[in-house]
C-alpha atoms as a PDB file:
ATOM      1  CA  MET A   1       0.000   0.000   0.000  1.00  0.00           C
ATOM      2  CA  ASP A   2       1.423   3.393  -0.958  1.00  0.00           C
ATOM      3  CA  ASN A   3       1.891   6.104   1.648  1.00  0.00           C
ATOM      4  CA  LEU A   4      -0.886   8.363   0.340  1.00  0.00           C
ATOM      5  CA  LYS A   5      -3.408   5.510   0.534  1.00  0.00           C
ATOM      6  CA  GLN A   6      -2.256   4.826   4.105  1.00  0.00           C
ATOM      7  CA  VAL A   7      -2.841   8.472   5.008  1.00  0.00           C
ATOM      8  CA  GLU A   8      -6.292   8.389   3.432  1.00  0.00           C
ATOM      9  CA  ASP A   9      -7.258   5.149   5.168  1.00  0.00           C
ATOM     10  CA  PHE A  10      -6.054   6.379   8.561  1.00  0.00           C
ATOM     11  CA  TRP A  11      -8.097   9.596   8.455  1.00  0.00           C
ATOM     12  CA  ASN A  12     -11.142   7.810   7.024  1.00  0.00           C
ATOM     13  CA  GLN A  13     -11.025   5.557  10.077  1.00  0.00           C
ATOM     14  CA  ASN A  14     -10.202   8.397  12.486  1.00  0.00           C
ATOM     15  CA  LEU A  15     -12.438  11.314  11.509  1.00  0.00           C
ATOM     16  CA  CYS A  16     -10.714  14.259  13.161  1.00  0.00           C
ATOM     17  CA  GLY A  17     -12.380  15.192  16.459  1.00  0.00           C
ATOM     18  CA  ARG A  18     -15.234  12.684  16.371  1.00  0.00           C
ATOM     19  CA  HIS A  19     -14.041  10.674  19.377  1.00  0.00           C
ATOM     20  CA  PHE A  20     -14.162  13.755  21.631  1.00  0.00           C
ATOM     21  CA  ILE A  21     -17.923  14.210  21.268  1.00  0.00           C
ATOM     22  CA  THR A  22     -20.668  12.230  23.036  1.00  0.00           C
ATOM     23  CA  ALA A  23     -23.663  13.358  20.947  1.00  0.00           C
ATOM     24  CA  LYS A  24     -24.882  11.081  18.159  1.00  0.00           C
ATOM     25  CA  TYR A  25     -23.064  11.574  14.869  1.00  0.00           C
ATOM     26  CA  PRO A  26     -23.960  13.312  12.551  1.00  0.00           C
ATOM     27  CA  SER A  27     -26.714  15.134  14.454  1.00  0.00           C
ATOM     28  CA  ALA A  28     -27.039  18.912  14.854  1.00  0.00           C
ATOM     29  CA  GLU A  29     -26.180  18.411  18.521  1.00  0.00           C
ATOM     30  CA  PHE A  30     -22.950  16.626  17.556  1.00  0.00           C
ATOM     31  CA  PHE A  31     -21.733  19.515  15.412  1.00  0.00           C
ATOM     32  CA  GLU A  32     -22.766  22.108  18.003  1.00  0.00           C
ATOM     33  CA  GLN A  33     -20.889  20.197  20.720  1.00  0.00           C
ATOM     34  CA  TYR A  34     -17.874  19.883  18.473  1.00  0.00           C
ATOM     35  CA  ARG A  35     -17.735  23.616  17.744  1.00  0.00           C
ATOM     36  CA  ARG A  36     -17.900  24.369  21.475  1.00  0.00           C
ATOM     37  CA  PHE A  37     -15.181  21.803  22.132  1.00  0.00           C
ATOM     38  CA  ARG A  38     -12.893  23.013  19.341  1.00  0.00           C
ATOM     39  CA  TYR A  39     -13.029  26.711  20.104  1.00  0.00           C
ATOM     40  CA  GLY A  40     -12.698  26.019  23.811  1.00  0.00           C
ATOM     41  CA  LYS A  41      -9.682  23.722  23.574  1.00  0.00           C
ATOM     42  CA  GLU A  42      -8.230  25.505  20.535  1.00  0.00           C
ATOM     43  CA  HIS A  43      -9.097  28.929  21.988  1.00  0.00           C
ATOM     44  CA  HIS A  44      -6.223  30.519  20.091  1.00  0.00           C
ATOM     45  CA  LEU A  45      -8.101  30.116  16.798  1.00  0.00           C
ATOM     46  CA  ASP A  46     -10.630  32.888  17.370  1.00  0.00           C
ATOM     47  CA  TRP A  47      -7.767  34.992  18.696  1.00  0.00           C
ATOM     48  CA  LEU A  48      -5.319  34.417  15.823  1.00  0.00           C
ATOM     49  CA  ILE A  49      -7.561  33.892  12.810  1.00  0.00           C
ATOM     50  CA  ASN A  50      -9.530  36.776  11.354  1.00  0.00           C
ATOM     51  CA  TRP A  51     -12.461  34.864   9.857  1.00  0.00           C
ATOM     52  CA  ARG A  52     -13.980  38.117   8.591  1.00  0.00           C
ATOM     53  CA  SER A  53     -10.935  38.633   6.375  1.00  0.00           C
ATOM     54  CA  ALA A  54     -12.607  36.228   3.941  1.00  0.00           C
ATOM     55  CA  ALA A  55     -15.228  38.843   3.071  1.00  0.00           C
ATOM     56  CA  GLY A  56     -15.299  39.503  -0.667  1.00  0.00           C
ATOM     57  CA  LYS A  57     -12.844  36.664  -1.353  1.00  0.00           C
ATOM     58  CA  ASP A  58     -12.845  33.261  -2.996  1.00  0.00           C
ATOM     59  CA  LEU A  59     -11.502  30.974  -0.281  1.00  0.00           C
ATOM     60  CA  LEU A  60     -10.078  27.468  -0.387  1.00  0.00           C
ATOM     61  CA  GLU A  61      -9.660  25.295   2.700  1.00  0.00           C
ATOM     62  CA  ILE A  62      -7.453  22.204   2.465  1.00  0.00           C
ATOM     63  CA  GLY A  63      -8.352  19.562   5.039  1.00  0.00           C
ATOM     64  CA  LEU A  64     -11.755  19.798   6.652  1.00  0.00           C
ATOM     65  CA  GLY A  65     -12.138  17.671   9.760  1.00  0.00           C
ATOM     66  CA  VAL A  66     -15.875  17.844  10.467  1.00  0.00           C
ATOM     67  CA  GLY A  67     -16.182  21.327   8.991  1.00  0.00           C
ATOM     68  CA  ALA A  68     -15.913  23.559  12.056  1.00  0.00           C
ATOM     69  CA  ASP A  69     -13.412  26.039  10.599  1.00  0.00           C
ATOM     70  CA  ALA A  70     -15.232  25.698   7.289  1.00  0.00           C
ATOM     71  CA  SER A  71     -18.382  26.998   8.953  1.00  0.00           C
ATOM     72  CA  ARG A  72     -16.459  30.022  10.254  1.00  0.00           C
ATOM     73  CA  TRP A  73     -15.013  30.869   6.845  1.00  0.00           C
ATOM     74  CA  ALA A  74     -18.176  30.185   4.847  1.00  0.00           C
ATOM     75  CA  ALA A  75     -20.130  32.668   6.963  1.00  0.00           C
ATOM     76  CA  TYR A  76     -17.990  35.502   5.501  1.00  0.00           C
ATOM     77  CA  ALA A  77     -16.367  34.377   2.239  1.00  0.00           C
ATOM     78  CA  MET A  78     -17.723  35.473  -1.134  1.00  0.00           C
ATOM     79  CA  SER A  79     -17.295  31.819  -2.110  1.00  0.00           C
ATOM     80  CA  TYR A  80     -16.108  28.886  -0.005  1.00  0.00           C
ATOM     81  CA  THR A  81     -14.440  25.747  -1.404  1.00  0.00           C
ATOM     82  CA  GLY A  82     -13.263  22.895   0.792  1.00  0.00           C
ATOM     83  CA  VAL A  83     -11.223  19.870  -0.223  1.00  0.00           C
ATOM     84  CA  ASP A  84     -10.213  16.785   1.765  1.00  0.00           C
ATOM     85  CA  LEU A  85      -8.469  13.516   0.960  1.00  0.00           C
ATOM     86  CA  THR A  86     -11.134  11.465   2.761  1.00  0.00           C
ATOM     87  CA  THR A  87     -14.746  10.648   1.996  1.00  0.00           C
ATOM     88  CA  GLU A  88     -15.591  10.708   5.721  1.00  0.00           C
ATOM     89  CA  SER A  89     -14.492  14.303   6.148  1.00  0.00           C
ATOM     90  CA  VAL A  90     -16.193  15.477   2.969  1.00  0.00           C
ATOM     91  CA  GLU A  91     -19.498  13.913   4.007  1.00  0.00           C
ATOM     92  CA  ALA A  92     -19.221  15.278   7.566  1.00  0.00           C
ATOM     93  CA  THR A  93     -18.597  18.813   6.298  1.00  0.00           C
ATOM     94  CA  LYS A  94     -21.465  18.626   3.811  1.00  0.00           C
ATOM     95  CA  ARG A  95     -23.790  17.550   6.618  1.00  0.00           C
ATOM     96  CA  HIS A  96     -22.454  20.325   8.860  1.00  0.00           C
ATOM     97  CA  PHE A  97     -23.195  22.898   6.133  1.00  0.00           C
ATOM     98  CA  GLU A  98     -26.702  21.519   5.606  1.00  0.00           C
ATOM     99  CA  ILE A  99     -27.487  21.883   9.302  1.00  0.00           C
ATOM    100  CA  LEU A 100     -26.187  25.462   9.414  1.00  0.00           C
ATOM    101  CA  ASP A 101     -27.689  26.346   6.006  1.00  0.00           C
ATOM    102  CA  LEU A 102     -24.290  27.395   4.653  1.00  0.00           C
ATOM    103  CA  LYS A 103     -23.255  27.469   1.011  1.00  0.00           C
ATOM    104  CA  GLY A 104     -20.030  26.027  -0.355  1.00  0.00           C
ATOM    105  CA  SER A 105     -18.392  23.586  -2.707  1.00  0.00           C
ATOM    106  CA  ILE A 106     -17.021  20.610  -0.780  1.00  0.00           C
ATOM    107  CA  LEU A 107     -15.192  17.862  -2.593  1.00  0.00           C
ATOM    108  CA  LYS A 108     -12.736  15.009  -2.274  1.00  0.00           C
ATOM    109  CA  GLY A 109      -9.232  15.779  -3.493  1.00  0.00           C
ATOM    110  CA  ASN A 110      -5.522  15.531  -2.871  1.00  0.00           C
ATOM    111  CA  ALA A 111      -3.462  18.541  -1.741  1.00  0.00           C
ATOM    112  CA  GLU A 112      -0.616  17.328  -3.947  1.00  0.00           C
ATOM    113  CA  ALA A 113      -2.821  17.532  -7.060  1.00  0.00           C
ATOM    114  CA  LEU A 114      -5.535  20.106  -6.406  1.00  0.00           C
ATOM    115  CA  PRO A 115      -8.487  19.846  -8.838  1.00  0.00           C
ATOM    116  CA  PHE A 116      -8.664  23.582  -9.569  1.00  0.00           C
ATOM    117  CA  ALA A 117      -7.526  25.939 -12.303  1.00  0.00           C
ATOM    118  CA  ASP A 118      -4.551  28.238 -11.840  1.00  0.00           C
ATOM    119  CA  ASN A 119      -5.179  31.486  -9.930  1.00  0.00           C
ATOM    120  CA  SER A 120      -8.563  30.412  -8.550  1.00  0.00           C
ATOM    121  CA  PHE A 121      -8.444  31.694  -4.948  1.00  0.00           C
ATOM    122  CA  ASP A 122      -7.701  34.870  -3.024  1.00  0.00           C
ATOM    123  CA  LEU A 123      -7.155  33.064   0.288  1.00  0.00           C
ATOM    124  CA  VAL A 124      -6.020  29.510   1.030  1.00  0.00           C
ATOM    125  CA  TYR A 125      -6.261  28.103   4.564  1.00  0.00           C
ATOM    126  CA  SER A 126      -4.997  24.793   5.911  1.00  0.00           C
ATOM    127  CA  HIS A 127      -4.870  23.969   9.617  1.00  0.00           C
ATOM    128  CA  GLY A 128      -2.857  20.937  10.695  1.00  0.00           C
ATOM    129  CA  VAL A 129      -3.145  19.105   7.384  1.00  0.00           C
ATOM    130  CA  ILE A 130      -0.276  19.363   4.919  1.00  0.00           C
ATOM    131  CA  HIS A 131       2.287  18.073   7.428  1.00  0.00           C
ATOM    132  CA  HIS A 132       0.453  14.762   6.848  1.00  0.00           C
ATOM    133  CA  THR A 133       1.143  14.774   3.094  1.00  0.00           C
ATOM    134  CA  THR A 134       3.660  12.468   1.451  1.00  0.00           C
ATOM    135  CA  ASP A 135       5.325  15.389  -0.385  1.00  0.00           C
ATOM    136  CA  ILE A 136       4.797  18.773   1.257  1.00  0.00           C
ATOM    137  CA  MET A 137       6.720  20.659  -1.433  1.00  0.00           C
ATOM    138  CA  LYS A 138       4.350  19.290  -4.052  1.00  0.00           C
ATOM    139  CA  ALA A 139       1.411  20.442  -1.911  1.00  0.00           C
ATOM    140  CA  LEU A 140       2.921  23.918  -1.486  1.00  0.00           C
ATOM    141  CA  SER A 141       3.552  24.146  -5.233  1.00  0.00           C
ATOM    142  CA  GLU A 142      -0.089  23.284  -5.854  1.00  0.00           C
ATOM    143  CA  ILE A 143      -1.211  25.898  -3.322  1.00  0.00           C
ATOM    144  CA  PHE A 144       0.978  28.450  -5.101  1.00  0.00           C
ATOM    145  CA  ARG A 145      -0.540  27.482  -8.452  1.00  0.00           C
ATOM    146  CA  VAL A 146      -4.159  27.952  -7.366  1.00  0.00           C
ATOM    147  CA  THR A 147      -3.523  31.167  -5.389  1.00  0.00           C
ATOM    148  CA  ARG A 148      -4.032  34.456  -7.207  1.00  0.00           C
ATOM    149  CA  SER A 149      -1.343  37.094  -7.496  1.00  0.00           C
ATOM    150  CA  GLU A 150      -1.005  38.903  -4.155  1.00  0.00           C
ATOM    151  CA  GLY A 151      -3.252  36.240  -2.648  1.00  0.00           C
ATOM    152  CA  GLU A 152      -2.675  35.097   0.932  1.00  0.00           C
ATOM    153  CA  ILE A 153      -2.230  31.707   2.548  1.00  0.00           C
ATOM    154  CA  VAL A 154      -2.668  30.812   6.221  1.00  0.00           C
ATOM    155  CA  LEU A 155      -1.151  27.523   7.377  1.00  0.00           C
ATOM    156  CA  MET A 156      -0.624  25.690  10.639  1.00  0.00           C
ATOM    157  CA  LEU A 157       2.189  23.138  10.814  1.00  0.00           C
ATOM    158  CA  TYR A 158       3.562  21.190  13.767  1.00  0.00           C
ATOM    159  CA  SER A 159       6.623  22.843  15.327  1.00  0.00           C
ATOM    160  CA  LYS A 160       9.859  21.205  16.445  1.00  0.00           C
ATOM    161  CA  ASP A 161      10.652  24.374  18.380  1.00  0.00           C
ATOM    162  CA  SER A 162       8.208  23.302  21.069  1.00  0.00           C
ATOM    163  CA  PHE A 163       7.868  21.649  24.436  1.00  0.00           C
ATOM    164  CA  ASN A 164       5.537  19.074  22.905  1.00  0.00           C
ATOM    165  CA  TYR A 165       8.208  17.849  20.484  1.00  0.00           C
ATOM    166  CA  TRP A 166      11.185  17.759  22.834  1.00  0.00           C
ATOM    167  CA  GLY A 167       9.648  17.210  26.270  1.00  0.00           C
ATOM    168  CA  ARG A 168       6.496  15.260  25.568  1.00  0.00           C
ATOM    169  CA  ILE A 169       7.098  13.264  22.389  1.00  0.00           C
ATOM    170  CA  GLN A 170      10.834  12.595  22.302  1.00  0.00           C
ATOM    171  CA  PHE A 171      11.336  12.226  26.065  1.00  0.00           C
ATOM    172  CA  TYR A 172       8.130  11.491  28.010  1.00  0.00           C
ATOM    173  CA  PHE A 173       6.401   9.355  25.365  1.00  0.00           C
ATOM    174  CA  ARG A 174       9.618   7.414  24.748  1.00  0.00           C
ATOM    175  CA  LEU A 175       9.909   6.703  28.459  1.00  0.00           C
ATOM    176  CA  ARG A 176       6.253   5.629  28.699  1.00  0.00           C
ATOM    177  CA  PHE A 177       6.700   3.350  25.702  1.00  0.00           C
ATOM    178  CA  LEU A 178       9.768   1.668  27.193  1.00  0.00           C
ATOM    179  CA  LEU A 179       7.949   1.158  30.489  1.00  0.00           C
ATOM    180  CA  ALA A 180       4.980  -0.352  28.636  1.00  0.00           C
ATOM    181  CA  LEU A 181       7.339  -2.619  26.710  1.00  0.00           C
ATOM    182  CA  LEU A 182       8.902  -3.742  30.002  1.00  0.00           C
ATOM    183  CA  LYS A 183       5.465  -4.458  31.493  1.00  0.00           C
ATOM    184  CA  THR A 184       4.464  -6.669  28.593  1.00  0.00           C
ATOM    185  CA  SER A 185       7.763  -8.538  28.782  1.00  0.00           C
ATOM    186  CA  ILE A 186       6.825  -9.661  32.312  1.00  0.00           C
ATOM    187  CA  SER A 187       3.209 -10.386  31.362  1.00  0.00           C
ATOM    188  CA  LEU A 188       1.666  -7.265  32.892  1.00  0.00           C
ATOM    189  CA  ARG A 189      -1.161  -5.478  31.140  1.00  0.00           C
ATOM    190  CA  THR A 190      -0.818  -2.144  29.444  1.00  0.00           C
ATOM    191  CA  SER A 191      -3.303   0.088  27.636  1.00  0.00           C
ATOM    192  CA  GLU A 192      -3.652   2.249  24.535  1.00  0.00           C
ATOM    193  CA  PRO A 193      -1.899   3.991  22.947  1.00  0.00           C
ATOM    194  CA  TRP A 194       1.024   1.933  24.257  1.00  0.00           C
ATOM    195  CA  THR A 195      -0.383  -1.409  23.113  1.00  0.00           C
ATOM    196  CA  GLY A 196      -0.644   0.066  19.613  1.00  0.00           C
ATOM    197  CA  HIS A 197       2.929   1.331  19.753  1.00  0.00           C
ATOM    198  CA  ILE A 198       4.180  -2.063  20.930  1.00  0.00           C
ATOM    199  CA  SER A 199       2.327  -3.887  18.161  1.00  0.00           C
ATOM    200  CA  ASN A 200       3.786  -1.523  15.535  1.00  0.00           C
ATOM    201  CA  PHE A 201       7.284  -1.790  17.032  1.00  0.00           C
ATOM    202  CA  ARG A 202       7.185  -5.574  16.895  1.00  0.00           C
ATOM    203  CA  ARG A 203       5.963  -5.501  13.315  1.00  0.00           C
ATOM    204  CA  GLU A 204       8.224  -2.726  11.953  1.00  0.00           C
ATOM    205  CA  GLY A 205      11.339  -3.179  14.045  1.00  0.00           C
ATOM    206  CA  PRO A 206      13.759  -0.582  15.506  1.00  0.00           C
ATOM    207  CA  SER A 207      13.050   2.015  12.801  1.00  0.00           C
ATOM    208  CA  TYR A 208       9.645   2.589  14.409  1.00  0.00           C
ATOM    209  CA  PHE A 209      11.382   3.931  17.515  1.00  0.00           C
ATOM    210  CA  SER A 210      14.092   5.877  15.687  1.00  0.00           C
ATOM    211  CA  TRP A 211      14.565   9.598  16.320  1.00  0.00           C
ATOM    212  CA  ASN A 212      13.043  10.575  12.967  1.00  0.00           C
ATOM    213  CA  GLY A 213      10.405   7.847  12.932  1.00  0.00           C
ATOM    214  CA  TRP A 214       8.925   7.882  16.420  1.00  0.00           C
ATOM    215  CA  TYR A 215       7.232  11.292  16.387  1.00  0.00           C
ATOM    216  CA  HIS A 216       5.036  10.452  13.378  1.00  0.00           C
ATOM    217  CA  HIS A 217       3.104   8.067  15.623  1.00  0.00           C
ATOM    218  CA  CYS A 218       2.840  10.373  18.644  1.00  0.00           C
ATOM    219  CA  THR A 219       0.746  13.278  17.376  1.00  0.00           C
ATOM    220  CA  ASP A 220      -2.465  11.653  16.130  1.00  0.00           C
ATOM    221  CA  GLY A 221      -2.144   8.041  17.287  1.00  0.00           C
ATOM    222  CA  PRO A 222       0.177   5.036  16.791  1.00  0.00           C
ATOM    223  CA  ASN A 223      -1.278   4.181  13.384  1.00  0.00           C
ATOM    224  CA  CYS A 224      -0.721   7.653  11.922  1.00  0.00           C
ATOM    225  CA  LYS A 225       1.945   7.054   9.262  1.00  0.00           C
ATOM    226  CA  ILE A 226       2.949  10.626   8.395  1.00  0.00           C
ATOM    227  CA  ALA A 227       2.995  13.571  10.795  1.00  0.00           C
ATOM    228  CA  ASN A 228       5.967  15.733   9.911  1.00  0.00           C
ATOM    229  CA  ILE A 229       7.230  18.303  12.411  1.00  0.00           C
ATOM    230  CA  TYR A 230       9.325  21.274  11.309  1.00  0.00           C
ATOM    231  CA  HIS A 231      11.645  23.927  12.661  1.00  0.00           C
ATOM    232  CA  ARG A 232      10.531  27.509  12.051  1.00  0.00           C
ATOM    233  CA  GLN A 233      13.300  28.152   9.525  1.00  0.00           C
ATOM    234  CA  GLU A 234      12.447  24.969   7.626  1.00  0.00           C
ATOM    235  CA  ILE A 235       8.900  26.285   7.153  1.00  0.00           C
ATOM    236  CA  VAL A 236      10.158  29.669   5.932  1.00  0.00           C
ATOM    237  CA  ASP A 237      12.577  27.985   3.526  1.00  0.00           C
ATOM    238  CA  MET A 238       9.895  25.684   2.093  1.00  0.00           C
ATOM    239  CA  LEU A 239       7.454  28.533   1.526  1.00  0.00           C
ATOM    240  CA  GLU A 240      10.066  30.733  -0.110  1.00  0.00           C
ATOM    241  CA  LYS A 241      11.131  27.860  -2.343  1.00  0.00           C
ATOM    242  CA  ALA A 242       7.489  27.423  -3.372  1.00  0.00           C
ATOM    243  CA  GLY A 243       7.280  31.110  -4.294  1.00  0.00           C
ATOM    244  CA  PHE A 244       5.696  32.720  -1.248  1.00  0.00           C
ATOM    245  CA  ILE A 245       6.837  35.619   0.941  1.00  0.00           C
ATOM    246  CA  VAL A 246       6.264  34.999   4.654  1.00  0.00           C
ATOM    247  CA  THR A 247       4.555  38.010   6.247  1.00  0.00           C
ATOM    248  CA  ASN A 248       3.868  36.783   9.785  1.00  0.00           C
ATOM    249  CA  MET A 249       4.464  33.818  12.092  1.00  0.00           C
ATOM    250  CA  LYS A 250       2.877  33.067  15.463  1.00  0.00           C
ATOM    251  CA  LYS A 251       2.941  30.054  17.744  1.00  0.00           C
ATOM    252  CA  ALA A 252       0.026  28.565  19.649  1.00  0.00           C
ATOM    253  CA  HIS A 253      -1.179  25.462  21.500  1.00  0.00           C
ATOM    254  CA  PHE A 254       0.269  24.692  24.891  1.00  0.00           C
ATOM    255  CA  PRO A 255      -2.742  22.719  26.206  1.00  0.00           C
ATOM    256  CA  PHE A 256      -1.526  21.623  29.620  1.00  0.00           C
ATOM    257  CA  THR A 257      -4.319  23.364  31.540  1.00  0.00           C
ATOM    258  CA  GLY A 258      -7.044  21.850  29.372  1.00  0.00           C
ATOM    259  CA  GLY A 259      -8.122  25.250  28.165  1.00  0.00           C
ATOM    260  CA  LYS A 260      -8.978  26.451  31.689  1.00  0.00           C
ATOM    261  CA  TYR A 261      -6.322  29.152  31.704  1.00  0.00           C
ATOM    262  CA  PRO A 262      -6.146  30.419  28.113  1.00  0.00           C
ATOM    263  CA  ILE A 263      -4.101  33.522  28.968  1.00  0.00           C
ATOM    264  CA  VAL A 264      -1.405  31.359  30.589  1.00  0.00           C
ATOM    265  CA  GLU A 265      -1.462  28.916  27.681  1.00  0.00           C
ATOM    266  CA  ARG A 266      -1.167  31.671  25.088  1.00  0.00           C
ATOM    267  CA  TYR A 267       1.735  33.275  26.929  1.00  0.00           C
ATOM    268  CA  LEU A 268       3.694  30.019  27.101  1.00  0.00           C
ATOM    269  CA  ALA A 269       2.706  28.969  23.602  1.00  0.00           C
ATOM    270  CA  GLN A 270       4.253  32.024  21.966  1.00  0.00           C
ATOM    271  CA  PHE A 271       7.644  30.611  23.018  1.00  0.00           C
ATOM    272  CA  ILE A 272       7.214  26.810  23.100  1.00  0.00           C
ATOM    273  CA  GLY A 273       3.843  26.110  21.464  1.00  0.00           C
ATOM    274  CA  PHE A 274       3.378  23.128  19.163  1.00  0.00           C
ATOM    275  CA  TYR A 275       1.394  24.903  16.446  1.00  0.00           C
ATOM    276  CA  GLN A 276       3.315  27.166  14.091  1.00  0.00           C
ATOM    277  CA  PHE A 277       0.930  29.476  12.265  1.00  0.00           C
ATOM    278  CA  VAL A 278       2.291  31.197   9.189  1.00  0.00           C
ATOM    279  CA  TRP A 279       0.846  33.865   6.911  1.00  0.00           C
ATOM    280  CA  ALA A 280       2.357  34.323   3.462  1.00  0.00           C
ATOM    281  CA  LYS A 281       1.695  36.160   0.202  1.00  0.00           C
ATOM    282  CA  LYS A 282       2.143  34.899  -3.326  1.00  0.00           C
ATOM    283  CA  ARG A 283       4.950  36.770  -5.069  1.00  0.00           C
END
């Protein structure tokens, strides 16, 4: 199975955010609960993202989840288009739009081969998606192609310059995994996600636990095959190579208070947050 098919299958089986919500899917109550959950936990979004900036613009969103951010953008954009690699996400977003009586074009597609003509959009947004692609430079080249001259892009990519990468993933999660592996070796029970990690480790061998392999499985679950994490300068270099000029960068997401103390989280996140937001213009 090729890597892109593995990515598609994983996200079809793990519709982003669904497991956090208790209401029946895909009911109106489910989507309402999800919006409350998302903008409570991800409180930085309404602080960092100017949804109203879509007014008078043709907007493309790459990667949809269940359509929460899509509903924010579609309320203001002159036209909204959303694309996702998975059927599950496309259907969830369509249902979300139906419930909210929002208009938009929502379709299945690959960020590495966007099904749109050149210079189609004034604004392209992608939150936590293209770091899961098999070839991010191909995705950025496609974004450049479909963005109009002087058009803007807003991306969020996982950051290596973060506590989550160094402290949580590469140190704490490694330690927890080794302890879980020790427990199973003496016939003691362990639980998920560690049982999943152990199963993958036994199947794939030492490369699964390597420095550059381990973190892919620690952001969105053991069976997530691709979850690239980048240094700030790597992101700038990739965007410039694709033809963009970076205009702003901000960090967010330090969720260790569960969203109870957003001011504290935002203060810490600006230095060691896991989410690197970047705004850029097409040259």
